[in-house]
Structures are given as C-alpha cells and as structure tokens.
Protein backbone atom coordinates (compact mmCIF):
# COMPACT_ATOMS: atom_id res chain seq x y z
CA MET A 1 18.33 -42.40 4.44
CA ARG A 2 20.21 -39.00 4.13
CA TYR A 3 19.33 -36.31 6.56
CA ILE A 4 20.94 -32.81 7.79
CA THR A 5 22.29 -32.51 10.99
CA LEU A 6 22.00 -29.41 13.51
CA GLU A 7 25.87 -29.00 13.11
CA GLU A 8 25.92 -29.35 9.56
CA ALA A 9 23.07 -26.71 9.02
CA LEU A 10 24.99 -24.48 11.55
CA HIS A 11 27.78 -24.21 9.38
CA PHE A 12 26.33 -23.75 5.80
CA ASP A 13 27.86 -20.79 4.04
CA GLN A 14 25.98 -18.19 2.01
CA ALA A 15 25.78 -19.89 -1.06
CA ARG A 16 24.48 -23.41 0.36
CA VAL A 17 21.81 -21.40 2.39
CA VAL A 18 20.45 -19.61 -0.93
CA ALA A 19 20.69 -22.89 -2.93
CA ASN A 20 18.73 -24.94 -0.79
CA SER A 21 15.99 -22.20 0.03
CA LYS A 22 15.79 -22.20 -3.61
CA LYS A 23 15.64 -25.96 -4.22
CA TYR A 24 13.49 -27.06 -0.82
CA LEU A 25 11.77 -23.93 0.45
CA ASN A 26 9.71 -21.29 -1.52
CA SER A 27 11.78 -21.29 -4.61
CA HIS A 28 11.77 -17.54 -5.83
CA PHE A 29 11.93 -16.13 -2.62
CA PRO A 30 15.84 -15.92 -2.23
CA SER A 31 16.12 -14.28 -5.75
CA TYR A 32 13.22 -11.72 -4.65
CA LEU A 33 15.51 -10.77 -1.77
CA ALA A 34 18.17 -10.54 -3.79
CA LEU A 35 16.85 -7.94 -6.31
CA LEU A 36 16.50 -5.67 -3.25
CA GLY A 37 19.81 -6.59 -1.80
CA LEU A 38 18.25 -8.34 1.34
CA ASP A 39 19.33 -11.56 1.20
CA ARG A 40 22.05 -12.12 3.53
CA ASN A 41 22.09 -15.17 6.08
CA TYR A 42 22.72 -14.07 9.88
CA PRO A 43 23.88 -16.88 11.87
CA GLN A 44 24.41 -14.91 15.04
CA ALA A 45 22.50 -12.19 16.73
CA GLU A 46 22.22 -10.34 20.21
CA GLY A 47 20.29 -7.12 21.07
CA MET A 48 20.13 -4.58 18.73
CA TYR A 49 22.70 -6.34 16.25
CA LEU A 50 23.09 -9.23 13.83
CA TRP A 51 26.25 -10.89 12.16
CA ASP A 52 26.59 -12.31 8.84
CA GLY A 53 28.72 -15.09 7.72
CA ASP A 54 31.48 -13.07 6.88
CA GLY A 55 31.38 -11.37 10.67
CA GLN A 56 29.90 -8.06 9.66
CA ARG A 57 27.88 -6.41 11.84
CA TYR A 58 24.17 -4.79 11.41
CA LEU A 59 21.91 -2.77 13.13
CA ASP A 60 18.71 -3.72 13.30
CA PHE A 61 15.82 -1.28 12.64
CA LEU A 62 13.18 -3.74 11.69
CA GLY A 63 12.92 -6.00 14.71
CA ALA A 64 10.95 -9.01 13.00
CA PHE A 65 8.06 -6.28 12.49
CA GLY A 66 7.54 -5.91 15.86
CA ALA A 67 8.09 -9.32 17.19
CA LEU A 68 11.60 -8.46 18.79
CA ASN A 69 10.43 -5.66 21.16
CA LEU A 70 13.56 -6.91 23.74
CA GLY A 71 15.80 -7.46 20.78
CA HIS A 72 17.33 -10.90 19.63
CA ASN A 73 18.17 -13.58 22.24
CA PRO A 74 16.82 -11.67 25.37
CA PRO A 75 18.95 -13.18 28.12
CA GLN A 76 15.79 -12.91 30.45
CA VAL A 77 13.50 -15.06 28.01
CA ILE A 78 16.15 -17.54 27.25
CA ALA A 79 16.82 -17.94 31.25
CA ALA A 80 12.91 -19.00 31.68
CA ILE A 81 12.79 -21.32 28.73
CA GLU A 82 16.06 -23.10 30.04
CA LYS A 83 14.55 -23.30 33.45
CA ILE A 84 11.41 -25.04 32.01
CA TRP A 85 13.89 -27.72 30.43
CA GLN A 86 16.12 -28.16 33.99
CA LEU A 87 12.92 -28.85 35.57
CA LYS A 88 11.59 -31.18 33.19
CA THR A 89 8.27 -29.39 33.20
CA THR A 90 5.45 -30.82 31.18
CA ASN A 91 5.48 -28.91 27.83
CA MET A 92 2.33 -30.14 25.93
CA MET A 93 -0.68 -31.62 27.69
CA GLN A 94 -3.81 -30.47 26.10
CA SER A 95 -5.71 -33.06 28.08
CA GLY A 96 -4.79 -31.38 31.10
CA LEU A 97 -4.42 -28.05 33.10
CA SER A 98 -1.22 -25.76 32.63
CA ALA A 99 -0.13 -23.49 35.60
CA LEU A 100 2.15 -21.32 33.34
CA ALA A 101 -1.09 -20.87 31.05
CA ALA A 102 -3.14 -19.78 34.17
CA GLY A 103 -0.31 -17.78 35.18
CA LEU A 104 -0.14 -16.13 31.82
CA GLY A 105 -3.56 -15.43 31.33
CA GLU A 106 -3.75 -13.76 34.74
CA THR A 107 -1.14 -11.66 33.66
CA LEU A 108 -2.98 -10.48 30.42
CA ALA A 109 -6.06 -10.17 32.22
CA ALA A 110 -4.06 -7.45 34.61
CA ILE A 111 -2.24 -5.71 32.06
CA THR A 112 -4.74 -5.14 28.93
CA PRO A 113 -7.42 -2.56 29.42
CA GLY A 114 -11.08 -2.34 30.48
CA GLU A 115 -12.72 -5.88 31.49
CA LEU A 116 -10.58 -8.08 28.94
CA ARG A 117 -10.20 -11.50 30.63
CA HIS A 118 -10.28 -14.68 28.97
CA SER A 119 -7.27 -15.84 26.74
CA PHE A 120 -6.94 -18.40 23.94
CA PHE A 121 -3.35 -19.12 22.97
CA ALA A 122 -2.16 -19.67 19.55
CA SER A 123 0.81 -19.90 17.25
CA SER A 124 0.64 -16.99 15.26
CA GLY A 125 -1.05 -13.75 14.81
CA THR A 126 -3.23 -14.86 11.87
CA GLU A 127 -4.22 -17.92 14.15
CA ALA A 128 -5.27 -15.48 16.42
CA VAL A 129 -7.10 -13.38 14.29
CA GLU A 130 -9.20 -16.38 13.02
CA GLY A 131 -9.95 -17.26 16.76
CA ALA A 132 -10.91 -13.75 17.16
CA LEU A 133 -13.31 -13.57 14.12
CA LYS A 134 -15.03 -16.96 14.96
CA THR A 135 -15.47 -15.59 18.35
CA ALA A 136 -16.99 -12.34 17.53
CA ARG A 137 -19.32 -14.09 14.94
CA ILE A 138 -20.83 -16.73 17.48
CA ALA A 139 -20.97 -14.33 20.17
CA SER A 140 -22.75 -11.51 17.99
CA GLY A 141 -24.92 -13.88 16.15
CA LYS A 142 -24.88 -11.51 12.95
CA PRO A 143 -23.03 -12.55 9.96
CA VAL A 144 -21.17 -9.29 8.70
CA ILE A 145 -17.53 -8.31 9.94
CA ILE A 146 -16.40 -5.00 8.75
CA SER A 147 -12.84 -4.29 8.40
CA THR A 148 -10.67 -1.15 6.88
CA SER A 149 -8.89 -0.43 3.57
CA ALA A 150 -5.46 -1.29 3.55
CA ALA A 151 -5.63 -3.32 6.71
CA PHE A 152 -3.45 -6.31 7.59
CA HIS A 153 -4.48 -9.09 9.77
CA GLY A 154 -2.54 -12.23 8.23
CA LYS A 155 -2.92 -14.29 4.84
CA SER A 156 -4.96 -17.35 6.36
CA LEU A 157 -8.43 -17.46 4.52
CA GLY A 158 -10.55 -15.40 7.32
CA ALA A 159 -7.90 -13.04 8.19
CA LEU A 160 -7.10 -12.59 4.58
CA SER A 161 -10.96 -11.84 4.19
CA ALA A 162 -10.46 -9.18 6.37
CA SER A 163 -7.30 -7.53 5.16
CA GLY A 164 -6.55 -5.02 2.12
CA ARG A 165 -4.74 -5.00 -0.96
CA ASP A 166 -6.09 -7.08 -3.69
CA LYS A 167 -2.83 -8.37 -4.89
CA TYR A 168 -2.81 -10.93 -1.91
CA LYS A 169 -6.58 -11.57 -2.13
CA GLN A 170 -7.22 -11.81 -5.54
CA PRO A 171 -5.54 -15.19 -6.54
CA PHE A 172 -7.57 -17.06 -3.67
CA GLN A 173 -10.88 -15.74 -4.42
CA PRO A 174 -13.59 -16.42 -3.41
CA LEU A 175 -12.77 -15.70 0.12
CA LEU A 176 -14.93 -16.08 3.09
CA PRO A 177 -18.60 -14.31 2.94
CA GLY A 178 -19.94 -11.77 4.97
CA PHE A 179 -16.79 -9.64 5.28
CA GLU A 180 -16.69 -5.77 3.96
CA GLN A 181 -14.61 -2.93 4.13
CA VAL A 182 -14.62 0.85 4.88
CA PRO A 183 -12.14 3.67 4.94
CA TYR A 184 -9.71 3.71 7.55
CA GLY A 185 -9.94 6.48 10.20
CA ASP A 186 -13.53 7.36 8.82
CA ALA A 187 -16.08 7.05 11.51
CA ALA A 188 -18.87 8.50 9.57
CA VAL A 189 -18.83 5.73 7.09
CA LEU A 190 -18.61 3.28 9.60
CA GLU A 191 -21.58 4.45 11.30
CA ALA A 192 -23.76 4.65 8.37
CA ARG A 193 -22.45 1.03 7.72
CA PHE A 194 -23.45 0.02 11.31
CA LYS A 195 -27.07 1.41 10.70
CA SER A 196 -28.15 -1.60 8.90
CA ARG A 197 -27.89 -3.56 12.01
CA ASP A 198 -26.62 -6.76 10.59
CA VAL A 199 -22.90 -5.97 11.38
CA GLY A 200 -21.78 -8.20 14.23
CA ALA A 201 -17.86 -7.16 14.61
CA PHE A 202 -15.51 -4.57 13.61
CA ILE A 203 -11.90 -5.31 13.46
CA CYS A 204 -9.15 -2.68 12.86
CA GLU A 205 -5.45 -2.11 14.20
CA CYS A 206 -5.17 0.95 16.14
CA VAL A 207 -2.32 2.03 14.10
CA GLN A 208 -2.04 0.35 10.61
CA GLY A 209 1.37 -1.14 9.92
CA GLU A 210 1.44 -2.76 6.58
CA GLY A 211 -0.93 -0.22 5.30
CA GLY A 212 1.86 2.23 5.67
CA VAL A 213 2.20 2.98 9.25
CA ASN A 214 -1.16 5.17 9.09
CA VAL A 215 -2.15 6.78 12.29
CA PRO A 216 -5.79 7.69 12.68
CA TYR A 217 -7.02 11.09 13.79
CA ALA A 218 -6.88 11.67 17.64
CA GLY A 219 -10.38 10.48 19.04
CA TYR A 220 -10.83 8.04 16.29
CA LEU A 221 -10.93 4.75 18.41
CA THR A 222 -13.22 6.74 20.78
CA ASP A 223 -15.61 6.89 18.08
CA VAL A 224 -15.37 3.51 17.21
CA ARG A 225 -15.94 2.34 20.81
CA ASN A 226 -19.04 4.53 21.12
CA LEU A 227 -20.49 3.63 17.96
CA CYS A 228 -20.02 -0.02 18.48
CA ASP A 229 -21.81 0.28 21.98
CA ARG A 230 -24.55 2.23 20.24
CA TYR A 231 -25.24 -0.22 17.48
CA GLY A 232 -24.29 -3.79 19.38
CA VAL A 233 -21.02 -4.22 17.23
CA LEU A 234 -18.16 -6.00 18.90
CA TRP A 235 -14.96 -4.17 18.79
CA ILE A 236 -11.80 -6.57 17.60
CA ALA A 237 -8.51 -4.47 18.12
CA ASP A 238 -5.61 -6.25 16.21
CA GLU A 239 -2.81 -5.15 18.49
CA VAL A 240 -0.40 -7.81 16.93
CA GLN A 241 2.29 -5.23 16.13
CA THR A 242 1.29 -2.63 18.26
CA GLY A 243 1.02 -4.36 21.50
CA PHE A 244 3.50 -4.65 24.43
CA GLY A 245 5.06 -0.91 24.31
CA ARG A 246 5.49 -0.49 20.58
CA THR A 247 3.53 2.61 20.36
CA GLY A 248 4.71 4.27 23.67
CA LYS A 249 1.74 2.73 25.62
CA MET A 250 1.40 -1.02 26.86
CA PHE A 251 -1.37 -1.21 23.95
CA ALA A 252 -2.12 1.31 21.41
CA CYS A 253 -5.87 1.57 22.04
CA GLU A 254 -4.49 2.96 25.69
CA HIS A 255 -3.74 6.34 24.05
CA GLU A 256 -7.32 6.98 23.81
CA ASN A 257 -8.29 5.31 27.23
CA VAL A 258 -10.61 2.90 25.45
CA SER A 259 -11.01 -0.73 25.24
CA PRO A 260 -12.18 -3.21 22.72
CA ASP A 261 -14.48 -6.40 23.43
CA ILE A 262 -11.70 -8.56 21.90
CA MET A 263 -8.09 -7.93 21.22
CA VAL A 264 -5.73 -9.92 19.13
CA LEU A 265 -1.87 -10.31 20.48
CA GLY A 266 1.06 -11.81 18.80
CA LYS A 267 4.46 -10.83 17.56
CA SER A 268 6.31 -9.55 20.82
CA ILE A 269 4.11 -11.47 23.47
CA GLY A 270 6.56 -14.40 23.12
CA GLY A 271 9.59 -12.33 23.96
CA GLY A 272 11.09 -12.40 19.99
CA VAL A 273 12.27 -16.16 21.19
CA VAL A 274 9.10 -18.85 20.98
CA PRO A 275 6.03 -18.48 18.54
CA LEU A 276 3.07 -17.35 20.71
CA ALA A 277 -0.15 -15.11 20.04
CA ALA A 278 -3.40 -14.92 21.80
CA PHE A 279 -6.93 -13.51 21.78
CA ILE A 280 -8.26 -11.94 24.74
CA SER A 281 -12.36 -11.09 25.43
CA THR A 282 -14.64 -9.75 27.97
CA PRO A 283 -16.49 -12.10 29.96
CA GLN A 284 -19.48 -11.01 28.59
CA VAL A 285 -18.24 -12.06 25.09
CA TRP A 286 -16.62 -15.28 26.08
CA SER A 287 -20.04 -16.37 27.75
CA LYS A 288 -21.82 -16.09 24.51
CA ALA A 289 -19.51 -17.59 22.66
CA TYR A 290 -18.00 -20.50 24.84
CA GLY A 291 -20.38 -20.38 28.08
CA SER A 292 -21.09 -24.07 28.22
CA ILE A 293 -19.98 -27.35 28.57
CA GLU A 294 -20.98 -28.24 24.98
CA ARG A 295 -19.15 -25.59 23.76
CA VAL A 296 -15.84 -25.62 25.12
CA SER A 297 -14.15 -27.45 22.24
CA TYR A 298 -15.75 -25.14 19.75
CA HIS A 299 -12.39 -23.46 19.27
CA THR A 300 -9.00 -25.32 20.08
CA THR A 301 -5.45 -25.68 18.96
CA THR A 302 -2.49 -28.24 19.57
CA PHE A 303 0.29 -25.79 20.29
CA GLY A 304 -1.17 -23.07 22.09
CA GLY A 305 -0.35 -22.45 25.61
CA MET A 306 2.90 -24.65 25.67
CA ALA A 307 4.98 -24.36 28.76
CA THR A 308 8.19 -22.86 26.88
CA GLN A 309 5.70 -20.44 25.41
CA CYS A 310 4.09 -19.34 28.56
CA ALA A 311 7.43 -19.12 30.31
CA ALA A 312 8.90 -17.21 27.56
CA SER A 313 5.98 -14.49 27.83
CA LEU A 314 5.73 -14.27 31.56
CA ALA A 315 9.29 -13.37 31.27
CA ALA A 316 8.96 -11.00 28.24
CA VAL A 317 6.14 -9.36 30.30
CA GLN A 318 8.27 -8.65 33.14
CA CYS A 319 10.96 -7.30 31.06
CA TYR A 320 8.32 -4.91 29.44
CA ILE A 321 7.03 -3.75 32.66
CA GLU A 322 10.36 -3.69 34.89
CA GLN A 323 12.40 -2.02 32.00
CA ASP A 324 9.56 0.45 31.56
CA LEU A 325 9.93 -0.20 27.90
CA PRO A 326 6.62 1.61 26.67
CA ARG A 327 7.83 5.05 28.11
CA GLN A 328 11.08 4.56 26.49
CA ALA A 329 9.40 3.73 23.32
CA ALA A 330 7.45 7.01 23.54
CA GLU A 331 10.18 9.19 24.22
CA HIS A 332 12.79 7.66 21.69
CA GLY A 333 10.00 7.57 19.22
CA GLN A 334 9.26 11.32 19.67
CA TYR A 335 12.64 12.38 19.08
CA LEU A 336 13.33 9.88 16.18
CA LEU A 337 10.22 11.32 14.33
CA SER A 338 11.26 14.98 15.60
CA ARG A 339 14.76 14.33 13.57
CA LEU A 340 13.05 12.79 10.65
CA LYS A 341 10.60 15.33 10.20
CA ASN A 342 13.55 17.63 9.58
CA LEU A 343 14.83 15.29 7.01
CA GLU A 344 11.15 15.80 5.37
CA GLN A 345 11.87 19.40 5.18
CA LYS A 346 15.22 19.46 3.86
CA HIS A 347 14.81 16.49 0.93
CA ASP A 348 11.92 17.22 -1.37
CA PHE A 349 11.21 13.55 -2.41
CA ILE A 350 10.28 12.26 0.91
CA LYS A 351 6.41 12.59 0.70
CA ALA A 352 5.82 12.31 4.90
CA VAL A 353 7.14 10.99 8.01
CA ARG A 354 4.30 9.50 10.48
CA GLY A 355 4.42 7.25 13.25
CA LYS A 356 3.46 6.47 16.98
CA GLY A 357 6.18 5.44 19.60
CA LEU A 358 8.71 3.42 17.58
CA LEU A 359 6.38 2.36 14.91
CA ILE A 360 7.52 4.92 12.08
CA GLY A 361 6.84 5.31 8.23
CA ILE A 362 8.78 7.54 5.62
CA GLU A 363 6.79 7.56 2.24
CA PHE A 364 8.29 8.67 -0.84
CA LYS A 365 7.08 10.72 -3.88
CA THR A 366 6.45 8.73 -6.79
CA PRO A 367 9.82 9.06 -9.14
CA GLY A 368 9.62 11.48 -12.02
CA GLY A 369 11.86 12.94 -14.24
CA MET A 370 13.94 10.50 -16.28
CA LEU A 371 11.77 7.58 -14.88
CA ASN A 372 8.50 8.91 -16.23
CA LYS A 373 10.40 8.52 -19.86
CA MET A 374 11.17 4.93 -19.45
CA ALA A 375 7.77 3.32 -18.67
CA LYS A 376 8.81 -0.08 -17.72
CA LEU A 377 11.55 1.25 -15.33
CA ALA A 378 9.14 3.77 -13.75
CA GLU A 379 6.66 0.91 -13.04
CA VAL A 380 9.06 -1.30 -11.14
CA ALA A 381 10.94 1.52 -9.21
CA GLU A 382 7.26 2.85 -7.95
CA ASP A 383 6.51 -0.79 -6.56
CA ASN A 384 9.72 -0.77 -5.01
CA ILE A 385 10.74 2.73 -3.80
CA GLY A 386 10.87 1.95 -0.10
CA ALA A 387 12.72 -1.22 -0.84
CA MET A 388 15.32 0.50 -2.59
CA VAL A 389 16.12 2.76 0.44
CA CYS A 390 16.29 -0.29 2.41
CA GLY A 391 18.46 -2.19 0.11
CA VAL A 392 21.10 0.72 0.21
CA LEU A 393 20.85 0.78 3.88
CA GLN A 394 21.84 -2.47 4.21
CA LYS A 395 24.53 -2.79 1.48
CA ASP A 396 26.20 0.62 2.36
CA TYR A 397 25.47 1.21 5.95
CA HIS A 398 24.58 -2.40 7.50
CA ILE A 399 21.32 -0.85 8.77
CA ILE A 400 18.42 -3.35 8.38
CA THR A 401 14.78 -2.06 7.38
CA ALA A 402 12.07 -2.96 5.28
CA TYR A 403 8.80 -1.42 3.20
CA THR A 404 5.44 -1.88 4.33
CA LEU A 405 3.77 -4.67 2.48
CA HIS A 406 0.53 -2.82 1.45
CA ASN A 407 2.06 0.33 0.50
CA PRO A 408 5.86 -0.02 -0.79
CA ALA A 409 6.37 3.62 -0.97
CA VAL A 410 6.80 3.50 2.92
CA MET A 411 9.88 2.27 4.48
CA ARG A 412 9.21 1.34 8.17
CA LEU A 413 11.54 2.03 11.06
CA GLU A 414 10.69 -0.46 13.86
CA PRO A 415 13.39 -1.15 16.07
CA PRO A 416 13.43 -3.14 19.19
CA LEU A 417 12.29 -0.97 22.03
CA ILE A 418 15.88 -1.41 23.65
CA VAL A 419 17.34 1.01 21.15
CA GLU A 420 19.44 3.52 22.29
CA ARG A 421 19.91 7.21 21.52
CA GLN A 422 23.03 6.93 19.67
CA GLN A 423 21.75 4.44 17.23
CA LEU A 424 18.93 6.29 16.33
CA ASP A 425 21.25 9.01 15.33
CA GLU A 426 23.23 6.65 13.27
CA VAL A 427 19.99 5.42 11.15
CA VAL A 428 19.21 9.40 10.84
CA ARG A 429 22.71 10.06 9.53
CA ALA A 430 22.66 7.26 7.21
CA LEU A 431 19.33 8.29 5.67
CA ASP A 432 20.63 12.07 5.22
CA GLU A 433 23.63 10.81 3.48
CA ILE A 434 21.62 8.65 0.92
CA PHE A 435 18.79 11.63 0.44
CA SER A 436 21.83 14.10 0.00
CA LYS A 437 23.71 12.00 -2.42
CA HIS A 438 20.56 10.95 -4.60
CA LYS A 439 19.00 14.38 -4.86
CA ASN A 440 15.80 13.60 -6.66
CA PHE A 441 16.19 9.83 -6.32
CA ALA A 442 16.62 9.37 -10.12
CA SER A 443 20.12 7.58 -9.77
CA LEU A 444 19.15 5.38 -7.11
CA SER A 445 15.97 4.28 -8.54
CA LEU A 446 17.05 3.91 -12.11
CA LYS A 447 19.96 1.79 -10.70
CA ALA A 448 17.78 -0.46 -8.91
CA ALA A 449 15.06 -0.76 -11.41
CA LYS A 450 17.50 -1.70 -14.41
CA THR A 451 19.09 -4.42 -11.95
CA MET A 452 15.62 -5.71 -11.11
CA ILE A 453 14.51 -5.89 -14.68
CA SER A 454 17.88 -7.59 -15.73
CA SER A 455 17.46 -10.19 -12.82
CA LYS A 456 13.85 -11.01 -13.82
CA LEU A 457 15.05 -11.40 -17.48
CA ASN A 458 18.21 -13.56 -16.39
CA GLY A 459 16.38 -15.66 -13.92
C-alpha cells in the first residue's frame, strides 16, 4: 500500500506541491492562486519572514488573517508544546477534567472585559461562532438573530447564515431560518428592528475584517450595548480576528469600555501554532443555556481543550501581555496609517485608507479609462483589483498581503504584532513605487486582467 512519508512530503518541490494540490485537494485553488501570483510554497518560516523553495525570503504582512500575532513559529509557544510532550501529559480525555483547560479558562476570564467567565473551547473560529449562536438562541428563548451586512463569521451553515456577500451564501440556500441583517454601523436601524421584541441576539465584528476593514463610528459599540440592554437582546462580539491586541487593545470592544454577553475568540488565541478557538459568556447567559445536569451535554466537541492547544494558548497570552503587544499594535498602527494617508493624498486611484491598530485596509477606486472600453477586462479587474496589487507586491517586492474576502477592492495589511518600524517603512516604500509606476492603474490592471482571462481560457 503506497503512502507518503513525512520526509518525502517535506522535500516536495514546487511542481509536486502544485500537482498534488490539484489532484488530491481543492482542484482549482492552485490555479486561482496562480492567476494572482500567490501560488508559492513556503517550506520555512520564522518571525516576520517566510522562505520559498528557492530560498527567497518574503516579508509577511498578512499574518494568516490575524492568526500570527506572534509571528511564525514563536519559540515560547513551541517550547510550551514541547514541554507537554516531554511530560507525556494526557492530550485528549473528554471523559475527564483538564488542568490546562481550567487554567486557560481562568486566564480568559481574567483578561476579557466585563463579566465574561465561562469558556467553551473549539478548533476554529467558525465552530466557535456556531457555539455562540446556539448558546444565544437557547439562553434568550427568542428565534431571531441579527447580523450586519458585509459581515464575516465563517462558512459553516450557521456562521454563513450570519455572514454577508451572496456569492458565498447563494449556492447553499436555504440557509438557517431566523437570521436577518442590518447595515453595519447603523444603530438607528438596529433599534427599529429590536422594537419587535422577537430578536434574541445581535452578532457583529467590532471592526469588520473581510467586509473591507470597516471601522464603525466612535460610540457604535456603546450604542449596541445600550440597545441590547434596553430590548433584552444578547450581544455576541466576534473578536476572532480583532482579539489579542490586533486593534491596539487586548480586545477591540475595549476601545469603548464595553463588554458583550458572549465573545467569540479564535485565530491568534492558539499562538499561530495550534488550531484553537473559543466562545466565552457571562454566568447569566451560561446558566440559562447550560445551567443544569441535563443540559451539560447540549454542546460538545471532540478536539476542543486539548492539552497542546491550552498550553500553546497559555504561552501565547503570556507573550501578548509581557511583551505589551496591544500597545505596540496601537503605536505601529497609528504610524502606518499616517504614512498610508500620505500615499492616499499622493496617488489619485487610492479611494480610502482606514483601520485600527494593525488591521488596515487600502481601498482602490474602480479602474477607469481604457478598461471601461473593454467590458470583460474591466469586469475581471474590478473584482480583483486588490489582488493585483498583492500579486505585484509578492512577485516584485517579496511582500505577502491579501485582499478582503467580501470587498476585493480592499487590500489588507495585517502583519504580526511583532513587526518593527523599518518593516513598516519597507512596505510603504514598495507601495509608493507601485502606485508611482502605474499612475492611473491602467497598465497594472490591464496586464493582470489579460493574464487572468488567458489562464481561464487555457485552464
């Protein structure tokens, strides 16, 4: 019986990685990445950098969409996992209790705002969102859950029902009943919907990531908290991407000194080394949802709270606090935003620069001029304009970025929180050169669009 050993897989060259990915994994994903110039394999990574199979170094300004707040392979987190293996600690035992899970639960209760206390551990952000939605529905006793337009909460069925962009929802209709959406950052519309008294929960991101790095008006989260209290609605704050220092506070809701009834955590909670997520609720919510012997098994999972996961998370949280990474994210984010705002003034085709801490988006204007005379090219370019800049950054400057999923016109800058000032400057210089070379974006977008169409026709 044929199988691939670890040693063999570690020595796959680029061609073998692409071929196997097409044949055995998501068949068209490698081709999609190739269209955007993002199809490299990186066998080595450390801190802010990755190296491809040819030994070329790349600066990571994507950070696995917020999962790598400590950078690649942080030694403190790896050491914590190695210690677990050396001690031969029980890694999985769902029919017993775990000291490490108990320790992580106490830690999360201590560092999260307000009265949040009871944690449930999962393996991914979307799984944690599912648990939060279930908890809110049973605790509130009301059927309707409100989310916001352009939201991203995951792609499992419940999380997708609360998310935005029809492109990802329509093929899987009908989704779950009882889900509705309101505009993000509009407290008046939210209150109007709450007045029906059938809403059990409201879920939102404190800063929308995949929606295009959308920052609500100052006071929006305070309005959300007050409205939820007034109408008896549970507030679920999705901090999967914004948590653990990303926006300049340990959690983004702390910018307004408010706390949700349920908070969803993920990505960087595992230190960028292990898959871990969680939702944490107040005692009042937990008691209503699971507060009896009969209800303790209403929501369970196999892999949540493993010893390796909890050890990694305990070490990661220690690093976030002892290295004061939220403060560093605030300072570096303010500096980077300022420099990017200067580029916005200098280059006309930048529509907007926005963000909070080290979650920053650059939105581009729709391509005009020559592209508007070539309908197909314009259509392709408009839906991939952010990806085009990302592709040039990666190919010509060896800087890794990505566009936002629900708004492809926005390129995100989301580096690990350990980033240094000189690396921020390096990215700004590269962007300035790109924007200066492609004055009105026509040459860049036309070339990229032709390549995409040609690849699709020949693929």
